[in-house]
Amino acid sequence: MNNLTRVSSIAVLVVSAVSLSACSNMTHRDKATAAGAAIGGVAGSVLSNGSALGTVGGAAVGGVVGNEVGKRK
């Protein structure tokens, strides 16, 4: 494994650990909103063949749906 790949892998692990710890004091509704936005962003990107507008639109719609689902629990 070359140095760039090794450094990139370590950076991804550190960023993942830090971002997961940031979710520790979020409410259920906040977590549902974030999860919906992430899923919507991926879905929007896939459906629009990587278009930035499709990705942002999917994230916005997913966030709204996740917020509504989180409100009901």
PDB file of N, CA and C in Angstrom:
ATOM      1  N   MET A   1       0.867  -1.165   0.000  1.00  0.00           N
ATOM      2  CA  MET A   1       0.000   0.000   0.000  1.00  0.00           C
ATOM      3  C   MET A   1       0.917   1.232   0.000  1.00  0.00           C
ATOM      4  N   ASN A   2       0.683   2.137  -0.916  1.00  0.00           N
ATOM      5  CA  ASN A   2       1.539   3.321  -0.965  1.00  0.00           C
ATOM      6  C   ASN A   2       1.127   4.338   0.108  1.00  0.00           C
ATOM      7  N   ASN A   3       1.957   5.343   0.290  1.00  0.00           N
ATOM      8  CA  ASN A   3       1.738   6.310   1.367  1.00  0.00           C
ATOM      9  C   ASN A   3       0.451   7.096   1.210  1.00  0.00           C
ATOM     10  N   LEU A   4       0.104   7.493  -0.014  1.00  0.00           N
ATOM     11  CA  LEU A   4      -1.116   8.272  -0.227  1.00  0.00           C
ATOM     12  C   LEU A   4      -2.348   7.470   0.151  1.00  0.00           C
ATOM     13  N   THR A   5      -2.394   6.220  -0.207  1.00  0.00           N
ATOM     14  CA  THR A   5      -3.535   5.369   0.138  1.00  0.00           C
ATOM     15  C   THR A   5      -3.629   5.177   1.646  1.00  0.00           C
ATOM     16  N   ARG A   6      -2.488   4.992   2.280  1.00  0.00           N
ATOM     17  CA  ARG A   6      -2.470   4.792   3.731  1.00  0.00           C
ATOM     18  C   ARG A   6      -2.948   6.048   4.457  1.00  0.00           C
ATOM     19  N   VAL A   7      -2.455   7.206   4.047  1.00  0.00           N
ATOM     20  CA  VAL A   7      -2.855   8.463   4.673  1.00  0.00           C
ATOM     21  C   VAL A   7      -4.335   8.730   4.426  1.00  0.00           C
ATOM     22  N   SER A   8      -4.802   8.432   3.230  1.00  0.00           N
ATOM     23  CA  SER A   8      -6.221   8.632   2.912  1.00  0.00           C
ATOM     24  C   SER A   8      -7.103   7.735   3.766  1.00  0.00           C
ATOM     25  N   SER A   9      -6.699   6.489   3.945  1.00  0.00           N
ATOM     26  CA  SER A   9      -7.479   5.564   4.771  1.00  0.00           C
ATOM     27  C   SER A   9      -7.549   6.030   6.219  1.00  0.00           C
ATOM     28  N   ILE A  10      -6.442   6.485   6.750  1.00  0.00           N
ATOM     29  CA  ILE A  10      -6.427   6.974   8.130  1.00  0.00           C
ATOM     30  C   ILE A  10      -7.287   8.226   8.261  1.00  0.00           C
ATOM     31  N   ALA A  11      -7.219   9.110   7.268  1.00  0.00           N
ATOM     32  CA  ALA A  11      -8.022  10.332   7.305  1.00  0.00           C
ATOM     33  C   ALA A  11      -9.514  10.013   7.288  1.00  0.00           C
ATOM     34  N   VAL A  12      -9.905   9.058   6.477  1.00  0.00           N
ATOM     35  CA  VAL A  12     -11.319   8.673   6.417  1.00  0.00           C
ATOM     36  C   VAL A  12     -11.769   8.095   7.753  1.00  0.00           C
ATOM     37  N   LEU A  13     -10.951   7.275   8.380  1.00  0.00           N
ATOM     38  CA  LEU A  13     -11.308   6.710   9.680  1.00  0.00           C
ATOM     39  C   LEU A  13     -11.443   7.778  10.753  1.00  0.00           C
ATOM     40  N   VAL A  14     -10.531   8.738  10.767  1.00  0.00           N
ATOM     41  CA  VAL A  14     -10.579   9.803  11.778  1.00  0.00           C
ATOM     42  C   VAL A  14     -11.812  10.677  11.572  1.00  0.00           C
ATOM     43  N   VAL A  15     -12.080  11.051  10.337  1.00  0.00           N
ATOM     44  CA  VAL A  15     -13.249  11.893  10.055  1.00  0.00           C
ATOM     45  C   VAL A  15     -14.537  11.156  10.390  1.00  0.00           C
ATOM     46  N   SER A  16     -14.597   9.864  10.105  1.00  0.00           N
ATOM     47  CA  SER A  16     -15.795   9.082  10.435  1.00  0.00           C
ATOM     48  C   SER A  16     -16.013   9.021  11.941  1.00  0.00           C
ATOM     49  N   ALA A  17     -14.948   8.789  12.686  1.00  0.00           N
ATOM     50  CA  ALA A  17     -15.074   8.710  14.143  1.00  0.00           C
ATOM     51  C   ALA A  17     -15.515  10.037  14.744  1.00  0.00           C
ATOM     52  N   VAL A  18     -14.959  11.129  14.250  1.00  0.00           N
ATOM     53  CA  VAL A  18     -15.328  12.447  14.769  1.00  0.00           C
ATOM     54  C   VAL A  18     -16.769  12.784  14.423  1.00  0.00           C
ATOM     55  N   SER A  19     -17.176  12.485  13.200  1.00  0.00           N
ATOM     56  CA  SER A  19     -18.546  12.830  12.806  1.00  0.00           C
ATOM     57  C   SER A  19     -19.569  11.960  13.523  1.00  0.00           C
ATOM     58  N   LEU A  20     -19.242  10.708  13.821  1.00  0.00           N
ATOM     59  CA  LEU A  20     -20.176   9.874  14.573  1.00  0.00           C
ATOM     60  C   LEU A  20     -20.310  10.337  16.016  1.00  0.00           C
ATOM     61  N   SER A  21     -19.248  10.819  16.600  1.00  0.00           N
ATOM     62  CA  SER A  21     -19.332  11.296  17.977  1.00  0.00           C
ATOM     63  C   SER A  21     -20.149  12.585  18.072  1.00  0.00           C
ATOM     64  N   ALA A  22     -20.259  13.304  16.979  1.00  0.00           N
ATOM     65  CA  ALA A  22     -21.054  14.535  16.979  1.00  0.00           C
ATOM     66  C   ALA A  22     -22.549  14.235  17.071  1.00  0.00           C
ATOM     67  N   CYS A  23     -22.951  13.025  16.776  1.00  0.00           N
ATOM     68  CA  CYS A  23     -24.368  12.657  16.806  1.00  0.00           C
ATOM     69  C   CYS A  23     -24.835  12.187  18.179  1.00  0.00           C
ATOM     70  N   SER A  24     -23.976  12.178  19.168  1.00  0.00           N
ATOM     71  CA  SER A  24     -24.331  11.587  20.453  1.00  0.00           C
ATOM     72  C   SER A  24     -25.426  12.349  21.191  1.00  0.00           C
ATOM     73  N   ASN A  25     -25.530  13.648  21.000  1.00  0.00           N
ATOM     74  CA  ASN A  25     -26.565  14.389  21.718  1.00  0.00           C
ATOM     75  C   ASN A  25     -27.662  14.903  20.791  1.00  0.00           C
ATOM     76  N   MET A  26     -27.850  14.253  19.677  1.00  0.00           N
ATOM     77  CA  MET A  26     -28.933  14.618  18.764  1.00  0.00           C
ATOM     78  C   MET A  26     -30.213  13.905  19.192  1.00  0.00           C
ATOM     79  N   THR A  27     -31.334  14.547  18.960  1.00  0.00           N
ATOM     80  CA  THR A  27     -32.615  13.903  19.234  1.00  0.00           C
ATOM     81  C   THR A  27     -32.907  12.879  18.145  1.00  0.00           C
ATOM     82  N   HIS A  28     -33.913  12.055  18.399  1.00  0.00           N
ATOM     83  CA  HIS A  28     -34.306  11.057  17.403  1.00  0.00           C
ATOM     84  C   HIS A  28     -34.723  11.740  16.097  1.00  0.00           C
ATOM     85  N   ARG A  29     -35.415  12.844  16.235  1.00  0.00           N
ATOM     86  CA  ARG A  29     -35.875  13.578  15.053  1.00  0.00           C
ATOM     87  C   ARG A  29     -34.702  14.147  14.256  1.00  0.00           C
ATOM     88  N   ASP A  30     -33.672  14.660  14.947  1.00  0.00           N
ATOM     89  CA  ASP A  30     -32.487  15.175  14.272  1.00  0.00           C
ATOM     90  C   ASP A  30     -31.758  14.069  13.518  1.00  0.00           C
ATOM     91  N   LYS A  31     -31.629  12.901  14.167  1.00  0.00           N
ATOM     92  CA  LYS A  31     -30.968  11.775  13.515  1.00  0.00           C
ATOM     93  C   LYS A  31     -31.748  11.305  12.287  1.00  0.00           C
ATOM     94  N   ALA A  32     -33.072  11.280  12.382  1.00  0.00           N
ATOM     95  CA  ALA A  32     -33.898  10.867  11.256  1.00  0.00           C
ATOM     96  C   ALA A  32     -33.777  11.863  10.104  1.00  0.00           C
ATOM     97  N   THR A  33     -33.688  13.144  10.419  1.00  0.00           N
ATOM     98  CA  THR A  33     -33.522  14.170   9.388  1.00  0.00           C
ATOM     99  C   THR A  33     -32.185  14.010   8.678  1.00  0.00           C
ATOM    100  N   ALA A  34     -31.114  13.802   9.458  1.00  0.00           N
ATOM    101  CA  ALA A  34     -29.785  13.631   8.863  1.00  0.00           C
ATOM    102  C   ALA A  34     -29.717  12.368   8.016  1.00  0.00           C
ATOM    103  N   ALA A  35     -30.289  11.287   8.515  1.00  0.00           N
ATOM    104  CA  ALA A  35     -30.286  10.038   7.753  1.00  0.00           C
ATOM    105  C   ALA A  35     -31.103  10.181   6.468  1.00  0.00           C
ATOM    106  N   GLY A  36     -32.241  10.842   6.556  1.00  0.00           N
ATOM    107  CA  GLY A  36     -33.062  11.062   5.363  1.00  0.00           C
ATOM    108  C   GLY A  36     -32.352  11.914   4.332  1.00  0.00           C
ATOM    109  N   ALA A  37     -31.641  12.930   4.790  1.00  0.00           N
ATOM    110  CA  ALA A  37     -30.894  13.787   3.862  1.00  0.00           C
ATOM    111  C   ALA A  37     -29.773  13.011   3.193  1.00  0.00           C
ATOM    112  N   ALA A  38     -29.080  12.169   3.946  1.00  0.00           N
ATOM    113  CA  ALA A  38     -27.995  11.377   3.367  1.00  0.00           C
ATOM    114  C   ALA A  38     -28.531  10.382   2.344  1.00  0.00           C
ATOM    115  N   ILE A  39     -29.586   9.678   2.696  1.00  0.00           N
ATOM    116  CA  ILE A  39     -30.173   8.700   1.778  1.00  0.00           C
ATOM    117  C   ILE A  39     -30.754   9.402   0.556  1.00  0.00           C
ATOM    118  N   GLY A  40     -31.415  10.526   0.767  1.00  0.00           N
ATOM    119  CA  GLY A  40     -31.978  11.280  -0.349  1.00  0.00           C
ATOM    120  C   GLY A  40     -30.908  11.828  -1.273  1.00  0.00           C
ATOM    121  N   GLY A  41     -29.786  12.266  -0.705  1.00  0.00           N
ATOM    122  CA  GLY A  41     -28.687  12.767  -1.526  1.00  0.00           C
ATOM    123  C   GLY A  41     -28.099  11.690  -2.408  1.00  0.00           C
ATOM    124  N   VAL A  42     -27.916  10.512  -1.851  1.00  0.00           N
ATOM    125  CA  VAL A  42     -27.393   9.394  -2.642  1.00  0.00           C
ATOM    126  C   VAL A  42     -28.393   9.001  -3.720  1.00  0.00           C
ATOM    127  N   ALA A  43     -29.664   8.901  -3.348  1.00  0.00           N
ATOM    128  CA  ALA A  43     -30.683   8.532  -4.324  1.00  0.00           C
ATOM    129  C   ALA A  43     -30.795   9.578  -5.433  1.00  0.00           C
ATOM    130  N   GLY A  44     -30.759  10.850  -5.061  1.00  0.00           N
ATOM    131  CA  GLY A  44     -30.827  11.914  -6.063  1.00  0.00           C
ATOM    132  C   GLY A  44     -29.642  11.889  -7.005  1.00  0.00           C
ATOM    133  N   SER A  45     -28.472  11.584  -6.476  1.00  0.00           N
ATOM    134  CA  SER A  45     -27.278  11.493  -7.309  1.00  0.00           C
ATOM    135  C   SER A  45     -27.371  10.332  -8.285  1.00  0.00           C
ATOM    136  N   VAL A  46     -27.849   9.196  -7.795  1.00  0.00           N
ATOM    137  CA  VAL A  46     -27.971   8.019  -8.657  1.00  0.00           C
ATOM    138  C   VAL A  46     -29.018   8.250  -9.742  1.00  0.00           C
ATOM    139  N   LEU A  47     -30.153   8.806  -9.363  1.00  0.00           N
ATOM    140  CA  LEU A  47     -31.230   9.010 -10.336  1.00  0.00           C
ATOM    141  C   LEU A  47     -30.917  10.083 -11.372  1.00  0.00           C
ATOM    142  N   SER A  48     -30.066  11.052 -11.008  1.00  0.00           N
ATOM    143  CA  SER A  48     -29.750  12.132 -11.947  1.00  0.00           C
ATOM    144  C   SER A  48     -28.371  11.962 -12.586  1.00  0.00           C
ATOM    145  N   ASN A  49     -27.797  10.767 -12.470  1.00  0.00           N
ATOM    146  CA  ASN A  49     -26.480  10.466 -13.046  1.00  0.00           C
ATOM    147  C   ASN A  49     -25.400  11.414 -12.536  1.00  0.00           C
ATOM    148  N   GLY A  50     -25.426  11.730 -11.248  1.00  0.00           N
ATOM    149  CA  GLY A  50     -24.386  12.535 -10.626  1.00  0.00           C
ATOM    150  C   GLY A  50     -24.559  14.031 -10.726  1.00  0.00           C
ATOM    151  N   SER A  51     -25.702  14.496 -11.157  1.00  0.00           N
ATOM    152  CA  SER A  51     -25.950  15.925 -11.251  1.00  0.00           C
ATOM    153  C   SER A  51     -25.968  16.554  -9.854  1.00  0.00           C
ATOM    154  N   ALA A  52     -25.319  17.708  -9.725  1.00  0.00           N
ATOM    155  CA  ALA A  52     -25.293  18.393  -8.432  1.00  0.00           C
ATOM    156  C   ALA A  52     -26.700  18.817  -8.016  1.00  0.00           C
ATOM    157  N   LEU A  53     -27.484  19.278  -8.956  1.00  0.00           N
ATOM    158  CA  LEU A  53     -28.853  19.699  -8.654  1.00  0.00           C
ATOM    159  C   LEU A  53     -29.686  18.514  -8.174  1.00  0.00           C
ATOM    160  N   GLY A  54     -29.524  17.374  -8.813  1.00  0.00           N
ATOM    161  CA  GLY A  54     -30.250  16.180  -8.394  1.00  0.00           C
ATOM    162  C   GLY A  54     -29.848  15.722  -7.005  1.00  0.00           C
ATOM    163  N   THR A  55     -28.551  15.824  -6.703  1.00  0.00           N
ATOM    164  CA  THR A  55     -28.053  15.429  -5.389  1.00  0.00           C
ATOM    165  C   THR A  55     -28.590  16.343  -4.295  1.00  0.00           C
ATOM    166  N   VAL A  56     -28.522  17.641  -4.530  1.00  0.00           N
ATOM    167  CA  VAL A  56     -29.017  18.603  -3.534  1.00  0.00           C
ATOM    168  C   VAL A  56     -30.532  18.486  -3.384  1.00  0.00           C
ATOM    169  N   GLY A  57     -31.224  18.324  -4.493  1.00  0.00           N
ATOM    170  CA  GLY A  57     -32.676  18.164  -4.436  1.00  0.00           C
ATOM    171  C   GLY A  57     -33.073  16.906  -3.681  1.00  0.00           C
ATOM    172  N   GLY A  58     -32.357  15.812  -3.940  1.00  0.00           N
ATOM    173  CA  GLY A  58     -32.636  14.562  -3.231  1.00  0.00           C
ATOM    174  C   GLY A  58     -32.363  14.689  -1.744  1.00  0.00           C
ATOM    175  N   ALA A  59     -31.290  15.387  -1.391  1.00  0.00           N
ATOM    176  CA  ALA A  59     -30.970  15.586   0.019  1.00  0.00           C
ATOM    177  C   ALA A  59     -32.037  16.431   0.703  1.00  0.00           C
ATOM    178  N   ALA A  60     -32.518  17.458   0.017  1.00  0.00           N
ATOM    179  CA  ALA A  60     -33.558  18.317   0.596  1.00  0.00           C
ATOM    180  C   ALA A  60     -34.848  17.539   0.821  1.00  0.00           C
ATOM    181  N   VAL A  61     -35.258  16.795  -0.186  1.00  0.00           N
ATOM    182  CA  VAL A  61     -36.492  16.013  -0.057  1.00  0.00           C
ATOM    183  C   VAL A  61     -36.321  14.930   1.009  1.00  0.00           C
ATOM    184  N   GLY A  62     -35.164  14.267   1.014  1.00  0.00           N
ATOM    185  CA  GLY A  62     -34.912  13.232   2.016  1.00  0.00           C
ATOM    186  C   GLY A  62     -34.890  13.791   3.424  1.00  0.00           C
ATOM    187  N   GLY A  63     -34.340  14.984   3.590  1.00  0.00           N
ATOM    188  CA  GLY A  63     -34.327  15.614   4.904  1.00  0.00           C
ATOM    189  C   GLY A  63     -35.721  15.929   5.410  1.00  0.00           C
ATOM    190  N   VAL A  64     -36.561  16.404   4.528  1.00  0.00           N
ATOM    191  CA  VAL A  64     -37.953  16.710   4.908  1.00  0.00           C
ATOM    192  C   VAL A  64     -38.695  15.427   5.281  1.00  0.00           C
ATOM    193  N   VAL A  65     -38.514  14.387   4.470  1.00  0.00           N
ATOM    194  CA  VAL A  65     -39.183  13.112   4.759  1.00  0.00           C
ATOM    195  C   VAL A  65     -38.664  12.532   6.083  1.00  0.00           C
ATOM    196  N   GLY A  66     -37.336  12.572   6.285  1.00  0.00           N
ATOM    197  CA  GLY A  66     -36.777  12.070   7.529  1.00  0.00           C
ATOM    198  C   GLY A  66     -37.269  12.846   8.741  1.00  0.00           C
ATOM    199  N   ASN A  67     -37.426  14.147   8.587  1.00  0.00           N
ATOM    200  CA  ASN A  67     -37.940  14.980   9.673  1.00  0.00           C
ATOM    201  C   ASN A  67     -39.366  14.592  10.021  1.00  0.00           C
ATOM    202  N   GLU A  68     -40.173  14.359   9.030  1.00  0.00           N
ATOM    203  CA  GLU A  68     -41.560  13.966   9.283  1.00  0.00           C
ATOM    204  C   GLU A  68     -41.643  12.580   9.910  1.00  0.00           C
ATOM    205  N   VAL A  69     -40.809  11.667   9.450  1.00  0.00           N
ATOM    206  CA  VAL A  69     -40.814  10.318  10.031  1.00  0.00           C
ATOM    207  C   VAL A  69     -40.332  10.385  11.476  1.00  0.00           C
ATOM    208  N   GLY A  70     -39.306  11.181  11.748  1.00  0.00           N
ATOM    209  CA  GLY A  70     -38.784  11.318  13.103  1.00  0.00           C
ATOM    210  C   GLY A  70     -39.768  11.975  14.054  1.00  0.00           C
ATOM    211  N   LYS A  71     -40.661  12.783  13.526  1.00  0.00           N
ATOM    212  CA  LYS A  71     -41.656  13.470  14.351  1.00  0.00           C
ATOM    213  C   LYS A  71     -42.665  12.474  14.897  1.00  0.00           C
ATOM    214  N   ARG A  72     -42.918  11.411  14.180  1.00  0.00           N
ATOM    215  CA  ARG A  72     -43.969  10.467  14.565  1.00  0.00           C
ATOM    216  C   ARG A  72     -43.531   9.456  15.612  1.00  0.00           C
ATOM    217  N   LYS A  73     -42.245   9.358  15.885  1.00  0.00           N
ATOM    218  CA  LYS A  73     -41.775   8.328  16.834  1.00  0.00           C
ATOM    219  C   LYS A  73     -41.608   8.886  18.216  1.00  0.00           C
TER     220      LYS A  73
END
